[in-house]
C-alpha atoms as a PDB file:
ATOM      1  CA  UNK A   1     -18.977 155.763 -67.968  1.00  0.00           C
ATOM      2  CA  UNK A   2     -20.183 152.739 -70.930  1.00  0.00           C
ATOM      3  CA  UNK A   3     -22.236 154.522 -73.595  1.00  0.00           C
ATOM      4  CA  UNK A   4     -25.083 153.033 -73.821  1.00  0.00           C
ATOM      5  CA  UNK A   5     -25.905 151.962 -77.331  1.00  0.00           C
ATOM      6  CA  UNK A   6     -28.594 153.107 -79.317  1.00  0.00           C
ATOM      7  CA  UNK A   7     -31.654 150.993 -79.645  1.00  0.00           C
ATOM      8  CA  UNK A   8     -32.264 148.942 -82.559  1.00  0.00           C
ATOM      9  CA  UNK A   9     -34.943 148.973 -84.681  1.00  0.00           C
ATOM     10  CA  UNK A  10     -36.727 145.655 -86.906  1.00  0.00           C
ATOM     11  CA  UNK A  11     -37.936 146.565 -89.909  1.00  0.00           C
ATOM     12  CA  UNK A  12     -41.826 146.821 -89.233  1.00  0.00           C
ATOM     13  CA  UNK A  13     -40.490 149.633 -85.715  1.00  0.00           C
ATOM     14  CA  UNK A  14     -40.514 147.506 -83.014  1.00  0.00           C
ATOM     15  CA  UNK A  15     -37.272 147.530 -80.742  1.00  0.00           C
ATOM     16  CA  UNK A  16     -34.493 144.693 -80.520  1.00  0.00           C
ATOM     17  CA  UNK A  17     -34.400 143.264 -77.568  1.00  0.00           C
ATOM     18  CA  UNK A  18     -30.434 144.799 -76.698  1.00  0.00           C
ATOM     19  CA  UNK A  19     -28.580 141.219 -74.912  1.00  0.00           C
ATOM     20  CA  UNK A  20     -26.495 144.443 -73.122  1.00  0.00           C
ATOM     21  CA  UNK A  21     -28.276 145.581 -71.254  1.00  0.00           C
ATOM     22  CA  UNK A  22     -29.692 144.091 -68.569  1.00  0.00           C
ATOM     23  CA  UNK A  23     -32.268 146.952 -66.788  1.00  0.00           C
ATOM     24  CA  UNK A  24     -34.236 147.337 -70.183  1.00  0.00           C
ATOM     25  CA  UNK A  25     -37.408 145.764 -70.176  1.00  0.00           C
ATOM     26  CA  UNK A  26     -37.737 141.518 -71.316  1.00  0.00           C
ATOM     27  CA  UNK A  27     -40.750 142.065 -72.301  1.00  0.00           C
ATOM     28  CA  UNK A  28     -43.646 143.708 -74.337  1.00  0.00           C
ATOM     29  CA  UNK A  29     -46.488 142.905 -72.488  1.00  0.00           C
ATOM     30  CA  UNK A  30     -47.220 141.442 -68.847  1.00  0.00           C
ATOM     31  CA  UNK A  31     -50.042 140.196 -68.709  1.00  0.00           C
ATOM     32  CA  UNK A  32     -52.113 139.593 -65.215  1.00  0.00           C
ATOM     33  CA  UNK A  33     -54.333 136.206 -65.486  1.00  0.00           C
ATOM     34  CA  UNK A  34     -55.306 133.819 -67.800  1.00  0.00           C
ATOM     35  CA  UNK A  35     -58.686 133.336 -68.498  1.00  0.00           C
ATOM     36  CA  UNK A  36     -60.159 133.373 -71.684  1.00  0.00           C
ATOM     37  CA  UNK A  37     -60.243 136.679 -72.224  1.00  0.00           C
ATOM     38  CA  UNK A  38     -56.500 137.230 -71.123  1.00  0.00           C
ATOM     39  CA  UNK A  39     -55.698 134.477 -73.062  1.00  0.00           C
ATOM     40  CA  UNK A  40     -56.980 135.372 -77.071  1.00  0.00           C
ATOM     41  CA  UNK A  41     -55.122 138.571 -75.719  1.00  0.00           C
ATOM     42  CA  UNK A  42     -51.685 137.409 -75.153  1.00  0.00           C
ATOM     43  CA  UNK A  43     -52.027 135.039 -79.178  1.00  0.00           C
ATOM     44  CA  UNK A  44     -53.317 138.067 -80.311  1.00  0.00           C
ATOM     45  CA  UNK A  45     -50.428 139.654 -79.300  1.00  0.00           C
ATOM     46  CA  UNK A  46     -47.587 137.378 -80.192  1.00  0.00           C
ATOM     47  CA  UNK A  47     -48.859 136.911 -83.341  1.00  0.00           C
ATOM     48  CA  UNK A  48     -48.335 140.503 -84.001  1.00  0.00           C
ATOM     49  CA  UNK A  49     -44.421 140.116 -82.681  1.00  0.00           C
ATOM     50  CA  UNK A  50     -45.070 141.141 -79.672  1.00  0.00           C
ATOM     51  CA  UNK A  51     -43.191 139.053 -76.501  1.00  0.00           C
ATOM     52  CA  UNK A  52     -45.798 138.249 -73.794  1.00  0.00           C
ATOM     53  CA  UNK A  53     -45.059 137.767 -69.860  1.00  0.00           C
ATOM     54  CA  UNK A  54     -48.513 135.732 -68.510  1.00  0.00           C
ATOM     55  CA  UNK A  55     -49.212 135.426 -64.898  1.00  0.00           C
ATOM     56  CA  UNK A  56     -50.949 133.970 -62.652  1.00  0.00           C
ATOM     57  CA  UNK A  57     -51.420 134.286 -59.220  1.00  0.00           C
ATOM     58  CA  UNK A  58     -53.341 130.282 -59.041  1.00  0.00           C
ATOM     59  CA  UNK A  59     -51.751 126.791 -59.789  1.00  0.00           C
ATOM     60  CA  UNK A  60     -53.371 125.399 -63.553  1.00  0.00           C
ATOM     61  CA  UNK A  61     -54.242 128.266 -66.340  1.00  0.00           C
ATOM     62  CA  UNK A  62     -57.879 129.556 -67.575  1.00  0.00           C
ATOM     63  CA  UNK A  63     -59.353 130.686 -64.639  1.00  0.00           C
ATOM     64  CA  UNK A  64     -62.736 129.828 -63.940  1.00  0.00           C
ATOM     65  CA  UNK A  65     -62.625 128.030 -67.706  1.00  0.00           C
ATOM     66  CA  UNK A  66     -59.489 125.575 -65.780  1.00  0.00           C
ATOM     67  CA  UNK A  67     -59.433 122.524 -66.980  1.00  0.00           C
ATOM     68  CA  UNK A  68     -58.035 119.446 -64.337  1.00  0.00           C
ATOM     69  CA  UNK A  69     -58.550 115.978 -63.787  1.00  0.00           C
ATOM     70  CA  UNK A  70     -59.859 114.499 -60.673  1.00  0.00           C
ATOM     71  CA  UNK A  71     -56.638 114.875 -58.006  1.00  0.00           C
ATOM     72  CA  UNK A  72     -55.953 118.462 -59.869  1.00  0.00           C
ATOM     73  CA  UNK A  73     -59.804 119.133 -58.451  1.00  0.00           C
ATOM     74  CA  UNK A  74     -59.023 117.514 -54.995  1.00  0.00           C
ATOM     75  CA  UNK A  75     -55.605 119.610 -54.809  1.00  0.00           C
ATOM     76  CA  UNK A  76     -57.472 122.705 -55.144  1.00  0.00           C
ATOM     77  CA  UNK A  77     -60.728 122.077 -53.110  1.00  0.00           C
ATOM     78  CA  UNK A  78     -57.478 121.744 -49.810  1.00  0.00           C
ATOM     79  CA  UNK A  79     -55.765 124.681 -51.614  1.00  0.00           C
ATOM     80  CA  UNK A  80     -59.232 126.598 -51.385  1.00  0.00           C
ATOM     81  CA  UNK A  81     -60.328 124.986 -47.562  1.00  0.00           C
ATOM     82  CA  UNK A  82     -56.484 126.693 -46.410  1.00  0.00           C
ATOM     83  CA  UNK A  83     -56.559 129.609 -47.525  1.00  0.00           C
ATOM     84  CA  UNK A  84     -60.086 130.200 -45.817  1.00  0.00           C
ATOM     85  CA  UNK A  85     -58.978 128.446 -42.410  1.00  0.00           C
ATOM     86  CA  UNK A  86     -55.981 131.732 -42.586  1.00  0.00           C
ATOM     87  CA  UNK A  87     -58.673 133.968 -42.824  1.00  0.00           C
ATOM     88  CA  UNK A  88     -60.890 132.944 -40.657  1.00  0.00           C
ATOM     89  CA  UNK A  89     -59.731 131.308 -38.240  1.00  0.00           C
ATOM     90  CA  UNK A  90     -61.573 128.298 -37.915  1.00  0.00           C
ATOM     91  CA  UNK A  91     -62.452 125.189 -40.622  1.00  0.00           C
ATOM     92  CA  UNK A  92     -62.366 126.625 -44.700  1.00  0.00           C
ATOM     93  CA  UNK A  93     -66.107 126.855 -46.572  1.00  0.00           C
ATOM     94  CA  UNK A  94     -65.810 127.137 -50.315  1.00  0.00           C
ATOM     95  CA  UNK A  95     -67.549 130.307 -52.068  1.00  0.00           C
ATOM     96  CA  UNK A  96     -69.479 129.831 -55.421  1.00  0.00           C
ATOM     97  CA  UNK A  97     -65.642 130.259 -57.213  1.00  0.00           C
ATOM     98  CA  UNK A  98     -66.561 127.690 -59.941  1.00  0.00           C
ATOM     99  CA  UNK A  99     -68.436 125.742 -61.550  1.00  0.00           C
ATOM    100  CA  UNK A 100     -67.248 121.665 -61.895  1.00  0.00           C
ATOM    101  CA  UNK A 101     -68.678 120.632 -65.958  1.00  0.00           C
ATOM    102  CA  UNK A 102     -69.026 116.534 -65.587  1.00  0.00           C
ATOM    103  CA  UNK A 103     -69.269 115.801 -69.004  1.00  0.00           C
ATOM    104  CA  UNK A 104     -67.123 112.813 -70.811  1.00  0.00           C
ATOM    105  CA  UNK A 105     -64.702 114.858 -73.556  1.00  0.00           C
ATOM    106  CA  UNK A 106     -66.075 113.977 -75.892  1.00  0.00           C
ATOM    107  CA  UNK A 107     -70.252 113.840 -75.261  1.00  0.00           C
ATOM    108  CA  UNK A 108     -70.712 116.947 -76.492  1.00  0.00           C
ATOM    109  CA  UNK A 109     -70.194 116.099 -80.018  1.00  0.00           C
ATOM    110  CA  UNK A 110     -72.755 114.463 -81.593  1.00  0.00           C
END
């Protein structure tokens, strides 16, 4: 059997990844969701040298704070209807998952 290599530690005491060990974790932190809190946490952790895997079940980032163009909104509505149809067996109805702001870009600054 091949001897396992001793882990290497950098000057800050963090373990360095071992490219020869496929069982070693590739990330220090795994964050589920891309809302405001998760994004701030990912940013803060990455600035300390942590490696982050940031996952989201949506096709867009930001959860309820997500920004998308009109096509993205229409696609989101269609996907939401399909999800609801699968749950109820009838034509889907959108629940109150979020809001749509109708401010043109730049209109919030005076």
